[in-house]
């Protein structure tokens, strides 16, 4: 649910900290209830993973600030406040060994991030 007056513009999906998909949302003035389309799986997007990792979803708006609900901060502090929401990391143990092992960036060594046990 979004507060009245907040216009969502995008969802960004990351995998191991890198953007893998951006979903743009059409601007509307009324509240939409999902699924919008009635056919099976109409409002689903599937991303297949081939290794352990973590994902994160960010929903935000680049259309309208939160003013006047949240007054703008001084420019030194960043100025206008924009709507933003995200999930915490969702760890996926794709190989089902009880550990989520994510390759270290630019390295052949691997590091364990999260134990599923």
PDB file of N, CA and C in Angstrom:
ATOM      1  N   UNK A   1       0.846  -1.175   0.000  1.00  0.00           N
ATOM      2  CA  UNK A   1       0.000   0.000   0.000  1.00  0.00           C
ATOM      3  C   UNK A   1       0.891   1.237   0.000  1.00  0.00           C
ATOM      4  N   UNK A   2       0.415   2.215  -0.688  1.00  0.00           N
ATOM      5  CA  UNK A   2       1.121   3.489  -0.721  1.00  0.00           C
ATOM      6  C   UNK A   2       0.205   4.563  -0.164  1.00  0.00           C
ATOM      7  N   UNK A   3       0.776   5.588   0.446  1.00  0.00           N
ATOM      8  CA  UNK A   3      -0.062   6.695   0.903  1.00  0.00           C
ATOM      9  C   UNK A   3      -0.668   7.434  -0.280  1.00  0.00           C
ATOM     10  N   UNK A   4      -1.823   8.004  -0.096  1.00  0.00           N
ATOM     11  CA  UNK A   4      -2.484   8.796  -1.138  1.00  0.00           C
ATOM     12  C   UNK A   4      -1.545   9.929  -1.554  1.00  0.00           C
ATOM     13  N   UNK A   5      -1.416  10.147  -2.846  1.00  0.00           N
ATOM     14  CA  UNK A   5      -0.576  11.222  -3.349  1.00  0.00           C
ATOM     15  C   UNK A   5       0.837  10.811  -3.708  1.00  0.00           C
ATOM     16  N   UNK A   6       1.248   9.581  -3.350  1.00  0.00           N
ATOM     17  CA  UNK A   6       2.575   9.101  -3.715  1.00  0.00           C
ATOM     18  C   UNK A   6       2.450   8.324  -5.013  1.00  0.00           C
ATOM     19  N   UNK A   7       3.211   8.720  -6.006  1.00  0.00           N
ATOM     20  CA  UNK A   7       3.158   8.076  -7.311  1.00  0.00           C
ATOM     21  C   UNK A   7       4.412   7.241  -7.529  1.00  0.00           C
ATOM     22  N   UNK A   8       4.280   5.937  -7.449  1.00  0.00           N
ATOM     23  CA  UNK A   8       5.393   5.022  -7.646  1.00  0.00           C
ATOM     24  C   UNK A   8       5.865   5.078  -9.096  1.00  0.00           C
ATOM     25  N   UNK A   9       7.172   5.085  -9.321  1.00  0.00           N
ATOM     26  CA  UNK A   9       7.665   5.131 -10.697  1.00  0.00           C
ATOM     27  C   UNK A   9       8.469   3.902 -11.098  1.00  0.00           C
ATOM     28  N   UNK A  10       9.185   3.265 -10.169  1.00  0.00           N
ATOM     29  CA  UNK A  10      10.040   2.142 -10.545  1.00  0.00           C
ATOM     30  C   UNK A  10      10.170   1.121  -9.423  1.00  0.00           C
ATOM     31  N   UNK A  11      10.456  -0.116  -9.829  1.00  0.00           N
ATOM     32  CA  UNK A  11      10.958  -1.169  -8.955  1.00  0.00           C
ATOM     33  C   UNK A  11      12.329  -1.545  -9.509  1.00  0.00           C
ATOM     34  N   UNK A  12      13.331  -1.669  -8.656  1.00  0.00           N
ATOM     35  CA  UNK A  12      14.645  -2.152  -9.073  1.00  0.00           C
ATOM     36  C   UNK A  12      14.933  -3.433  -8.317  1.00  0.00           C
ATOM     37  N   UNK A  13      15.296  -4.491  -9.037  1.00  0.00           N
ATOM     38  CA  UNK A  13      15.650  -5.772  -8.442  1.00  0.00           C
ATOM     39  C   UNK A  13      17.158  -5.959  -8.563  1.00  0.00           C
ATOM     40  N   UNK A  14      17.808  -6.299  -7.442  1.00  0.00           N
ATOM     41  CA  UNK A  14      19.250  -6.551  -7.477  1.00  0.00           C
ATOM     42  C   UNK A  14      19.529  -8.012  -7.155  1.00  0.00           C
ATOM     43  N   UNK A  15      20.659  -8.490  -7.636  1.00  0.00           N
ATOM     44  CA  UNK A  15      21.154  -9.826  -7.319  1.00  0.00           C
ATOM     45  C   UNK A  15      22.613  -9.662  -6.923  1.00  0.00           C
ATOM     46  N   UNK A  16      22.959 -10.053  -5.702  1.00  0.00           N
ATOM     47  CA  UNK A  16      24.305  -9.891  -5.159  1.00  0.00           C
ATOM     48  C   UNK A  16      24.801  -8.455  -5.312  1.00  0.00           C
ATOM     49  N   UNK A  17      23.895  -7.500  -5.102  1.00  0.00           N
ATOM     50  CA  UNK A  17      24.257  -6.098  -5.112  1.00  0.00           C
ATOM     51  C   UNK A  17      24.287  -5.423  -6.471  1.00  0.00           C
ATOM     52  N   UNK A  18      24.008  -6.152  -7.534  1.00  0.00           N
ATOM     53  CA  UNK A  18      24.018  -5.573  -8.876  1.00  0.00           C
ATOM     54  C   UNK A  18      22.606  -5.557  -9.449  1.00  0.00           C
ATOM     55  N   UNK A  19      22.251  -4.471 -10.119  1.00  0.00           N
ATOM     56  CA  UNK A  19      20.916  -4.346 -10.705  1.00  0.00           C
ATOM     57  C   UNK A  19      20.724  -5.395 -11.795  1.00  0.00           C
ATOM     58  N   UNK A  20      19.606  -6.118 -11.739  1.00  0.00           N
ATOM     59  CA  UNK A  20      19.303  -7.117 -12.770  1.00  0.00           C
ATOM     60  C   UNK A  20      18.015  -6.803 -13.516  1.00  0.00           C
ATOM     61  N   UNK A  21      17.157  -5.986 -12.919  1.00  0.00           N
ATOM     62  CA  UNK A  21      15.906  -5.665 -13.602  1.00  0.00           C
ATOM     63  C   UNK A  21      15.338  -4.367 -13.057  1.00  0.00           C
ATOM     64  N   UNK A  22      14.853  -3.527 -13.972  1.00  0.00           N
ATOM     65  CA  UNK A  22      14.140  -2.303 -13.594  1.00  0.00           C
ATOM     66  C   UNK A  22      12.755  -2.392 -14.221  1.00  0.00           C
ATOM     67  N   UNK A  23      11.753  -2.236 -13.392  1.00  0.00           N
ATOM     68  CA  UNK A  23      10.370  -2.300 -13.856  1.00  0.00           C
ATOM     69  C   UNK A  23       9.783  -0.902 -13.703  1.00  0.00           C
ATOM     70  N   UNK A  24       9.400  -0.287 -14.806  1.00  0.00           N
ATOM     71  CA  UNK A  24       8.793   1.032 -14.745  1.00  0.00           C
ATOM     72  C   UNK A  24       7.288   0.892 -14.562  1.00  0.00           C
ATOM     73  N   UNK A  25       6.719   1.789 -13.766  1.00  0.00           N
ATOM     74  CA  UNK A  25       5.301   1.757 -13.442  1.00  0.00           C
ATOM     75  C   UNK A  25       4.625   2.947 -14.109  1.00  0.00           C
ATOM     76  N   UNK A  26       3.549   2.661 -14.813  1.00  0.00           N
ATOM     77  CA  UNK A  26       2.792   3.700 -15.493  1.00  0.00           C
ATOM     78  C   UNK A  26       2.150   4.638 -14.462  1.00  0.00           C
ATOM     79  N   UNK A  27       2.221   5.960 -14.687  1.00  0.00           N
ATOM     80  CA  UNK A  27       1.580   6.874 -13.736  1.00  0.00           C
ATOM     81  C   UNK A  27       0.059   6.767 -13.811  1.00  0.00           C
ATOM     82  N   UNK A  28      -0.572   6.714 -12.642  1.00  0.00           N
ATOM     83  CA  UNK A  28      -2.033   6.665 -12.558  1.00  0.00           C
ATOM     84  C   UNK A  28      -2.491   7.563 -11.415  1.00  0.00           C
ATOM     85  N   UNK A  29      -3.708   8.020 -11.471  1.00  0.00           N
ATOM     86  CA  UNK A  29      -4.257   8.870 -10.421  1.00  0.00           C
ATOM     87  C   UNK A  29      -5.103   8.080  -9.428  1.00  0.00           C
ATOM     88  N   UNK A  30      -5.489   6.860  -9.778  1.00  0.00           N
ATOM     89  CA  UNK A  30      -6.338   6.074  -8.885  1.00  0.00           C
ATOM     90  C   UNK A  30      -5.535   4.913  -8.298  1.00  0.00           C
ATOM     91  N   UNK A  31      -6.036   4.328  -7.238  1.00  0.00           N
ATOM     92  CA  UNK A  31      -5.377   3.186  -6.603  1.00  0.00           C
ATOM     93  C   UNK A  31      -5.654   1.943  -7.431  1.00  0.00           C
ATOM     94  N   UNK A  32      -4.600   1.203  -7.767  1.00  0.00           N
ATOM     95  CA  UNK A  32      -4.755  -0.044  -8.521  1.00  0.00           C
ATOM     96  C   UNK A  32      -4.722  -1.221  -7.565  1.00  0.00           C
ATOM     97  N   UNK A  33      -5.544  -2.184  -7.813  1.00  0.00           N
ATOM     98  CA  UNK A  33      -5.535  -3.437  -7.054  1.00  0.00           C
ATOM     99  C   UNK A  33      -4.960  -4.510  -7.967  1.00  0.00           C
ATOM    100  N   UNK A  34      -4.024  -5.279  -7.461  1.00  0.00           N
ATOM    101  CA  UNK A  34      -3.386  -6.290  -8.302  1.00  0.00           C
ATOM    102  C   UNK A  34      -4.005  -7.643  -8.051  1.00  0.00           C
ATOM    103  N   UNK A  35      -4.104  -8.523  -9.035  1.00  0.00           N
ATOM    104  CA  UNK A  35      -3.589  -8.343 -10.396  1.00  0.00           C
ATOM    105  C   UNK A  35      -4.486  -7.443 -11.235  1.00  0.00           C
ATOM    106  N   UNK A  36      -3.854  -6.611 -12.058  1.00  0.00           N
ATOM    107  CA  UNK A  36      -4.584  -5.717 -12.954  1.00  0.00           C
ATOM    108  C   UNK A  36      -5.177  -6.513 -14.106  1.00  0.00           C
ATOM    109  N   UNK A  37      -4.385  -7.446 -14.641  1.00  0.00           N
ATOM    110  CA  UNK A  37      -4.878  -8.318 -15.715  1.00  0.00           C
ATOM    111  C   UNK A  37      -5.370  -9.614 -15.089  1.00  0.00           C
ATOM    112  N   UNK A  38      -6.388 -10.190 -15.670  1.00  0.00           N
ATOM    113  CA  UNK A  38      -7.002 -11.374 -15.071  1.00  0.00           C
ATOM    114  C   UNK A  38      -6.406 -12.689 -15.541  1.00  0.00           C
ATOM    115  N   UNK A  39      -5.569 -12.658 -16.589  1.00  0.00           N
ATOM    116  CA  UNK A  39      -5.007 -13.928 -17.050  1.00  0.00           C
ATOM    117  C   UNK A  39      -3.943 -14.438 -16.068  1.00  0.00           C
ATOM    118  N   UNK A  40      -3.687 -15.722 -16.109  1.00  0.00           N
ATOM    119  CA  UNK A  40      -2.774 -16.371 -15.166  1.00  0.00           C
ATOM    120  C   UNK A  40      -1.369 -15.784 -15.257  1.00  0.00           C
ATOM    121  N   UNK A  41      -0.759 -15.487 -14.121  1.00  0.00           N
ATOM    122  CA  UNK A  41       0.608 -14.973 -14.014  1.00  0.00           C
ATOM    123  C   UNK A  41       0.823 -13.647 -14.747  1.00  0.00           C
ATOM    124  N   UNK A  42      -0.217 -12.858 -14.963  1.00  0.00           N
ATOM    125  CA  UNK A  42      -0.103 -11.615 -15.734  1.00  0.00           C
ATOM    126  C   UNK A  42       0.806 -10.597 -15.057  1.00  0.00           C
ATOM    127  N   UNK A  43       0.782 -10.525 -13.746  1.00  0.00           N
ATOM    128  CA  UNK A  43       1.561  -9.514 -13.038  1.00  0.00           C
ATOM    129  C   UNK A  43       2.775 -10.104 -12.324  1.00  0.00           C
ATOM    130  N   UNK A  44       3.301 -11.200 -12.855  1.00  0.00           N
ATOM    131  CA  UNK A  44       4.481 -11.827 -12.275  1.00  0.00           C
ATOM    132  C   UNK A  44       5.636 -11.748 -13.260  1.00  0.00           C
ATOM    133  N   UNK A  45       6.832 -11.552 -12.732  1.00  0.00           N
ATOM    134  CA  UNK A  45       8.040 -11.637 -13.524  1.00  0.00           C
ATOM    135  C   UNK A  45       8.937 -12.623 -12.801  1.00  0.00           C
ATOM    136  N   UNK A  46       9.510 -13.544 -13.538  1.00  0.00           N
ATOM    137  CA  UNK A  46      10.312 -14.608 -12.943  1.00  0.00           C
ATOM    138  C   UNK A  46      11.777 -14.382 -13.275  1.00  0.00           C
ATOM    139  N   UNK A  47      12.623 -14.494 -12.249  1.00  0.00           N
ATOM    140  CA  UNK A  47      14.065 -14.421 -12.433  1.00  0.00           C
ATOM    141  C   UNK A  47      14.634 -15.734 -11.903  1.00  0.00           C
ATOM    142  N   UNK A  48      15.311 -16.488 -12.759  1.00  0.00           N
ATOM    143  CA  UNK A  48      15.915 -17.753 -12.351  1.00  0.00           C
ATOM    144  C   UNK A  48      17.330 -17.498 -11.861  1.00  0.00           C
ATOM    145  N   UNK A  49      17.686 -18.121 -10.754  1.00  0.00           N
ATOM    146  CA  UNK A  49      19.039 -17.977 -10.226  1.00  0.00           C
ATOM    147  C   UNK A  49      19.781 -19.293 -10.382  1.00  0.00           C
ATOM    148  N   UNK A  50      21.078 -19.204 -10.623  1.00  0.00           N
ATOM    149  CA  UNK A  50      21.888 -20.399 -10.860  1.00  0.00           C
ATOM    150  C   UNK A  50      22.941 -20.600  -9.782  1.00  0.00           C
ATOM    151  N   UNK A  51      22.953 -19.737  -8.773  1.00  0.00           N
ATOM    152  CA  UNK A  51      23.939 -19.860  -7.702  1.00  0.00           C
ATOM    153  C   UNK A  51      23.367 -19.264  -6.423  1.00  0.00           C
ATOM    154  N   UNK A  52      24.074 -19.486  -5.314  1.00  0.00           N
ATOM    155  CA  UNK A  52      23.690 -18.858  -4.054  1.00  0.00           C
ATOM    156  C   UNK A  52      23.822 -17.348  -4.191  1.00  0.00           C
ATOM    157  N   UNK A  53      23.052 -16.625  -3.387  1.00  0.00           N
ATOM    158  CA  UNK A  53      23.180 -15.176  -3.414  1.00  0.00           C
ATOM    159  C   UNK A  53      22.107 -14.503  -2.595  1.00  0.00           C
ATOM    160  N   UNK A  54      22.010 -13.202  -2.769  1.00  0.00           N
ATOM    161  CA  UNK A  54      20.969 -12.438  -2.088  1.00  0.00           C
ATOM    162  C   UNK A  54      20.341 -11.463  -3.070  1.00  0.00           C
ATOM    163  N   UNK A  55      19.078 -11.195  -2.831  1.00  0.00           N
ATOM    164  CA  UNK A  55      18.349 -10.272  -3.681  1.00  0.00           C
ATOM    165  C   UNK A  55      17.740  -9.173  -2.817  1.00  0.00           C
ATOM    166  N   UNK A  56      17.407  -8.091  -3.451  1.00  0.00           N
ATOM    167  CA  UNK A  56      16.840  -6.939  -2.774  1.00  0.00           C
ATOM    168  C   UNK A  56      15.915  -6.245  -3.766  1.00  0.00           C
ATOM    169  N   UNK A  57      14.789  -5.761  -3.313  1.00  0.00           N
ATOM    170  CA  UNK A  57      13.858  -5.040  -4.180  1.00  0.00           C
ATOM    171  C   UNK A  57      13.667  -3.631  -3.626  1.00  0.00           C
ATOM    172  N   UNK A  58      13.826  -2.636  -4.510  1.00  0.00           N
ATOM    173  CA  UNK A  58      13.661  -1.230  -4.134  1.00  0.00           C
ATOM    174  C   UNK A  58      12.503  -0.662  -4.945  1.00  0.00           C
ATOM    175  N   UNK A  59      11.557  -0.020  -4.276  1.00  0.00           N
ATOM    176  CA  UNK A  59      10.454   0.676  -4.943  1.00  0.00           C
ATOM    177  C   UNK A  59      10.617   2.153  -4.631  1.00  0.00           C
ATOM    178  N   UNK A  60      10.496   2.992  -5.667  1.00  0.00           N
ATOM    179  CA  UNK A  60      10.698   4.421  -5.438  1.00  0.00           C
ATOM    180  C   UNK A  60       9.919   5.249  -6.447  1.00  0.00           C
ATOM    181  N   UNK A  61       9.921   6.552  -6.203  1.00  0.00           N
ATOM    182  CA  UNK A  61       9.263   7.482  -7.110  1.00  0.00           C
ATOM    183  C   UNK A  61      10.228   8.590  -7.483  1.00  0.00           C
ATOM    184  N   UNK A  62      10.273   8.892  -8.765  1.00  0.00           N
ATOM    185  CA  UNK A  62      11.037  10.041  -9.261  1.00  0.00           C
ATOM    186  C   UNK A  62      10.069  11.082  -9.815  1.00  0.00           C
ATOM    187  N   UNK A  63       8.779  10.932  -9.490  1.00  0.00           N
ATOM    188  CA  UNK A  63       7.751  11.819 -10.043  1.00  0.00           C
ATOM    189  C   UNK A  63       7.345  12.940  -9.099  1.00  0.00           C
ATOM    190  N   UNK A  64       7.198  12.627  -7.817  1.00  0.00           N
ATOM    191  CA  UNK A  64       6.642  13.599  -6.878  1.00  0.00           C
ATOM    192  C   UNK A  64       7.295  13.414  -5.510  1.00  0.00           C
ATOM    193  N   UNK A  65       7.716  14.494  -4.896  1.00  0.00           N
ATOM    194  CA  UNK A  65       8.332  14.423  -3.572  1.00  0.00           C
ATOM    195  C   UNK A  65       7.264  14.163  -2.511  1.00  0.00           C
ATOM    196  N   UNK A  66       7.698  13.978  -1.275  1.00  0.00           N
ATOM    197  CA  UNK A  66       6.771  13.746  -0.162  1.00  0.00           C
ATOM    198  C   UNK A  66       6.271  15.044   0.460  1.00  0.00           C
ATOM    199  N   UNK A  67       6.623  16.170  -0.115  1.00  0.00           N
ATOM    200  CA  UNK A  67       6.146  17.465   0.366  1.00  0.00           C
ATOM    201  C   UNK A  67       4.644  17.590   0.067  1.00  0.00           C
ATOM    202  N   UNK A  68       3.833  18.091   0.904  1.00  0.00           N
ATOM    203  CA  UNK A  68       4.074  18.780   2.167  1.00  0.00           C
ATOM    204  C   UNK A  68       4.056  17.863   3.384  1.00  0.00           C
ATOM    205  N   UNK A  69       3.879  16.550   3.194  1.00  0.00           N
ATOM    206  CA  UNK A  69       3.856  15.621   4.332  1.00  0.00           C
ATOM    207  C   UNK A  69       5.191  15.661   5.059  1.00  0.00           C
ATOM    208  N   UNK A  70       6.285  15.596   4.290  1.00  0.00           N
ATOM    209  CA  UNK A  70       7.634  15.707   4.836  1.00  0.00           C
ATOM    210  C   UNK A  70       8.221  16.997   4.272  1.00  0.00           C
ATOM    211  N   UNK A  71       8.503  17.968   5.111  1.00  0.00           N
ATOM    212  CA  UNK A  71       9.045  19.218   4.582  1.00  0.00           C
ATOM    213  C   UNK A  71      10.439  18.990   4.002  1.00  0.00           C
ATOM    214  N   UNK A  72      10.802  19.747   2.979  1.00  0.00           N
ATOM    215  CA  UNK A  72      12.119  19.567   2.385  1.00  0.00           C
ATOM    216  C   UNK A  72      13.229  19.914   3.367  1.00  0.00           C
ATOM    217  N   UNK A  73      14.296  19.141   3.304  1.00  0.00           N
ATOM    218  CA  UNK A  73      15.462  19.410   4.138  1.00  0.00           C
ATOM    219  C   UNK A  73      16.267  20.537   3.500  1.00  0.00           C
ATOM    220  N   UNK A  74      17.111  21.207   4.255  1.00  0.00           N
ATOM    221  CA  UNK A  74      17.980  22.208   3.647  1.00  0.00           C
ATOM    222  C   UNK A  74      18.839  21.576   2.541  1.00  0.00           C
ATOM    223  N   UNK A  75      19.217  22.365   1.553  1.00  0.00           N
ATOM    224  CA  UNK A  75      20.013  21.843   0.435  1.00  0.00           C
ATOM    225  C   UNK A  75      21.286  21.166   0.908  1.00  0.00           C
ATOM    226  N   UNK A  76      21.893  21.655   1.980  1.00  0.00           N
ATOM    227  CA  UNK A  76      23.120  21.035   2.506  1.00  0.00           C
ATOM    228  C   UNK A  76      22.863  19.606   2.975  1.00  0.00           C
ATOM    229  N   UNK A  77      21.610  19.279   3.273  1.00  0.00           N
ATOM    230  CA  UNK A  77      21.245  17.948   3.758  1.00  0.00           C
ATOM    231  C   UNK A  77      20.584  17.112   2.675  1.00  0.00           C
ATOM    232  N   UNK A  78      20.541  17.615   1.455  1.00  0.00           N
ATOM    233  CA  UNK A  78      20.000  16.826   0.367  1.00  0.00           C
ATOM    234  C   UNK A  78      18.745  17.372  -0.276  1.00  0.00           C
ATOM    235  N   UNK A  79      18.113  18.368   0.316  1.00  0.00           N
ATOM    236  CA  UNK A  79      16.942  18.976  -0.314  1.00  0.00           C
ATOM    237  C   UNK A  79      15.675  18.157  -0.153  1.00  0.00           C
ATOM    238  N   UNK A  80      14.906  18.062  -1.237  1.00  0.00           N
ATOM    239  CA  UNK A  80      13.601  17.384  -1.222  1.00  0.00           C
ATOM    240  C   UNK A  80      13.706  15.919  -0.789  1.00  0.00           C
ATOM    241  N   UNK A  81      12.628  15.398  -0.183  1.00  0.00           N
ATOM    242  CA  UNK A  81      12.564  14.003   0.253  1.00  0.00           C
ATOM    243  C   UNK A  81      11.679  13.251  -0.734  1.00  0.00           C
ATOM    244  N   UNK A  82      12.200  12.162  -1.302  1.00  0.00           N
ATOM    245  CA  UNK A  82      11.490  11.359  -2.311  1.00  0.00           C
ATOM    246  C   UNK A  82      11.062  10.032  -1.706  1.00  0.00           C
ATOM    247  N   UNK A  83       9.923   9.475  -2.138  1.00  0.00           N
ATOM    248  CA  UNK A  83       9.470   8.177  -1.625  1.00  0.00           C
ATOM    249  C   UNK A  83      10.452   7.055  -1.984  1.00  0.00           C
ATOM    250  N   UNK A  84      10.713   6.191  -1.015  1.00  0.00           N
ATOM    251  CA  UNK A  84      11.636   5.068  -1.201  1.00  0.00           C
ATOM    252  C   UNK A  84      11.264   3.959  -0.226  1.00  0.00           C
ATOM    253  N   UNK A  85      11.262   2.735  -0.720  1.00  0.00           N
ATOM    254  CA  UNK A  85      10.988   1.577   0.120  1.00  0.00           C
ATOM    255  C   UNK A  85      11.815   0.405  -0.393  1.00  0.00           C
ATOM    256  N   UNK A  86      12.286  -0.455   0.498  1.00  0.00           N
ATOM    257  CA  UNK A  86      13.066  -1.606   0.041  1.00  0.00           C
ATOM    258  C   UNK A  86      12.901  -2.772   1.000  1.00  0.00           C
ATOM    259  N   UNK A  87      13.169  -3.945   0.458  1.00  0.00           N
ATOM    260  CA  UNK A  87      13.198  -5.132   1.307  1.00  0.00           C
ATOM    261  C   UNK A  87      14.591  -5.229   1.900  1.00  0.00           C
ATOM    262  N   UNK A  88      14.721  -5.934   2.995  1.00  0.00           N
ATOM    263  CA  UNK A  88      16.058  -6.280   3.459  1.00  0.00           C
ATOM    264  C   UNK A  88      16.590  -7.347   2.514  1.00  0.00           C
ATOM    265  N   UNK A  89      17.833  -7.746   2.671  1.00  0.00           N
ATOM    266  CA  UNK A  89      18.334  -8.793   1.773  1.00  0.00           C
ATOM    267  C   UNK A  89      17.571 -10.098   1.984  1.00  0.00           C
ATOM    268  N   UNK A  90      17.260 -10.760   0.890  1.00  0.00           N
ATOM    269  CA  UNK A  90      16.622 -12.076   0.930  1.00  0.00           C
ATOM    270  C   UNK A  90      17.679 -13.064   0.450  1.00  0.00           C
ATOM    271  N   UNK A  91      18.164 -13.913   1.348  1.00  0.00           N
ATOM    272  CA  UNK A  91      19.233 -14.857   1.021  1.00  0.00           C
ATOM    273  C   UNK A  91      18.645 -16.105   0.379  1.00  0.00           C
ATOM    274  N   UNK A  92      19.287 -16.576  -0.685  1.00  0.00           N
ATOM    275  CA  UNK A  92      18.813 -17.752  -1.412  1.00  0.00           C
ATOM    276  C   UNK A  92      19.916 -18.805  -1.440  1.00  0.00           C
ATOM    277  N   UNK A  93      19.609 -19.969  -0.866  1.00  0.00           N
ATOM    278  CA  UNK A  93      20.529 -21.113  -0.846  1.00  0.00           C
ATOM    279  C   UNK A  93      20.173 -22.004  -2.029  1.00  0.00           C
ATOM    280  N   UNK A  94      20.613 -21.634  -3.226  1.00  0.00           N
ATOM    281  CA  UNK A  94      20.206 -22.316  -4.446  1.00  0.00           C
ATOM    282  C   UNK A  94      20.664 -23.771  -4.479  1.00  0.00           C
ATOM    283  N   UNK A  95      21.870 -24.057  -3.976  1.00  0.00           N
ATOM    284  CA  UNK A  95      22.367 -25.435  -4.022  1.00  0.00           C
ATOM    285  C   UNK A  95      21.927 -26.268  -2.813  1.00  0.00           C
ATOM    286  N   UNK A  96      21.178 -25.654  -1.897  1.00  0.00           N
ATOM    287  CA  UNK A  96      20.565 -26.327  -0.738  1.00  0.00           C
ATOM    288  C   UNK A  96      21.558 -27.064   0.159  1.00  0.00           C
ATOM    289  N   UNK A  97      22.748 -26.471   0.352  1.00  0.00           N
ATOM    290  CA  UNK A  97      23.730 -27.098   1.234  1.00  0.00           C
ATOM    291  C   UNK A  97      23.704 -26.516   2.645  1.00  0.00           C
ATOM    292  N   UNK A  98      22.748 -25.618   2.921  1.00  0.00           N
ATOM    293  CA  UNK A  98      22.622 -25.037   4.247  1.00  0.00           C
ATOM    294  C   UNK A  98      23.439 -23.774   4.448  1.00  0.00           C
ATOM    295  N   UNK A  99      24.171 -23.332   3.425  1.00  0.00           N
ATOM    296  CA  UNK A  99      24.980 -22.118   3.512  1.00  0.00           C
ATOM    297  C   UNK A  99      24.774 -21.298   2.243  1.00  0.00           C
ATOM    298  N   UNK A 100      24.752 -19.998   2.410  1.00  0.00           N
ATOM    299  CA  UNK A 100      24.710 -19.105   1.250  1.00  0.00           C
ATOM    300  C   UNK A 100      26.135 -18.606   1.045  1.00  0.00           C
ATOM    301  N   UNK A 101      26.755 -19.031  -0.050  1.00  0.00           N
ATOM    302  CA  UNK A 101      28.132 -18.661  -0.357  1.00  0.00           C
ATOM    303  C   UNK A 101      28.112 -17.765  -1.583  1.00  0.00           C
ATOM    304  N   UNK A 102      28.635 -16.557  -1.419  1.00  0.00           N
ATOM    305  CA  UNK A 102      28.614 -15.567  -2.503  1.00  0.00           C
ATOM    306  C   UNK A 102      30.043 -15.310  -2.935  1.00  0.00           C
ATOM    307  N   UNK A 103      30.324 -15.377  -4.251  1.00  0.00           N
ATOM    308  CA  UNK A 103      31.694 -15.111  -4.708  1.00  0.00           C
ATOM    309  C   UNK A 103      32.099 -13.673  -4.367  1.00  0.00           C
ATOM    310  N   UNK A 104      33.342 -13.524  -3.872  1.00  0.00           N
ATOM    311  CA  UNK A 104      33.859 -12.184  -3.604  1.00  0.00           C
ATOM    312  C   UNK A 104      34.084 -11.485  -4.943  1.00  0.00           C
ATOM    313  N   UNK A 105      33.804 -10.195  -5.001  1.00  0.00           N
ATOM    314  CA  UNK A 105      33.944  -9.408  -6.229  1.00  0.00           C
ATOM    315  C   UNK A 105      35.400  -9.405  -6.690  1.00  0.00           C
ATOM    316  N   UNK A 106      35.603  -9.653  -7.983  1.00  0.00           N
ATOM    317  CA  UNK A 106      36.936  -9.609  -8.609  1.00  0.00           C
ATOM    318  C   UNK A 106      37.937 -10.505  -7.909  1.00  0.00           C
ATOM    319  N   UNK A 107      37.522 -11.660  -7.471  1.00  0.00           N
ATOM    320  CA  UNK A 107      38.418 -12.560  -6.763  1.00  0.00           C
ATOM    321  C   UNK A 107      37.981 -13.994  -6.991  1.00  0.00           C
ATOM    322  N   UNK A 108      38.941 -14.911  -6.972  1.00  0.00           N
ATOM    323  CA  UNK A 108      38.621 -16.329  -7.132  1.00  0.00           C
ATOM    324  C   UNK A 108      38.173 -16.933  -5.806  1.00  0.00           C
ATOM    325  N   UNK A 109      38.472 -16.267  -4.703  1.00  0.00           N
ATOM    326  CA  UNK A 109      38.058 -16.818  -3.416  1.00  0.00           C
ATOM    327  C   UNK A 109      36.580 -16.534  -3.167  1.00  0.00           C
ATOM    328  N   UNK A 110      35.964 -17.357  -2.337  1.00  0.00           N
ATOM    329  CA  UNK A 110      34.541 -17.206  -2.031  1.00  0.00           C
ATOM    330  C   UNK A 110      34.401 -16.926  -0.544  1.00  0.00           C
ATOM    331  N   UNK A 111      33.325 -16.237  -0.181  1.00  0.00           N
ATOM    332  CA  UNK A 111      33.082 -15.958   1.225  1.00  0.00           C
ATOM    333  C   UNK A 111      31.680 -16.390   1.608  1.00  0.00           C
ATOM    334  N   UNK A 112      31.558 -16.947   2.804  1.00  0.00           N
ATOM    335  CA  UNK A 112      30.242 -17.340   3.302  1.00  0.00           C
ATOM    336  C   UNK A 112      29.589 -16.120   3.905  1.00  0.00           C
ATOM    337  N   UNK A 113      28.354 -15.849   3.520  1.00  0.00           N
ATOM    338  CA  UNK A 113      27.649 -14.675   4.010  1.00  0.00           C
ATOM    339  C   UNK A 113      26.629 -15.043   5.076  1.00  0.00           C
ATOM    340  N   UNK A 114      25.948 -16.164   4.883  1.00  0.00           N
ATOM    341  CA  UNK A 114      24.821 -16.449   5.772  1.00  0.00           C
ATOM    342  C   UNK A 114      24.654 -17.957   5.876  1.00  0.00           C
ATOM    343  N   UNK A 115      24.477 -18.443   7.084  1.00  0.00           N
ATOM    344  CA  UNK A 115      24.193 -19.853   7.292  1.00  0.00           C
ATOM    345  C   UNK A 115      22.698 -20.055   7.446  1.00  0.00           C
ATOM    346  N   UNK A 116      22.153 -21.057   6.736  1.00  0.00           N
ATOM    347  CA  UNK A 116      20.715 -21.313   6.793  1.00  0.00           C
ATOM    348  C   UNK A 116      20.348 -22.238   7.928  1.00  0.00           C
ATOM    349  N   UNK A 117      21.293 -22.719   8.690  1.00  0.00           N
ATOM    350  CA  UNK A 117      20.999 -23.676   9.749  1.00  0.00           C
ATOM    351  C   UNK A 117      20.764 -23.004  11.060  1.00  0.00           C
TER     352      UNK A 117
END
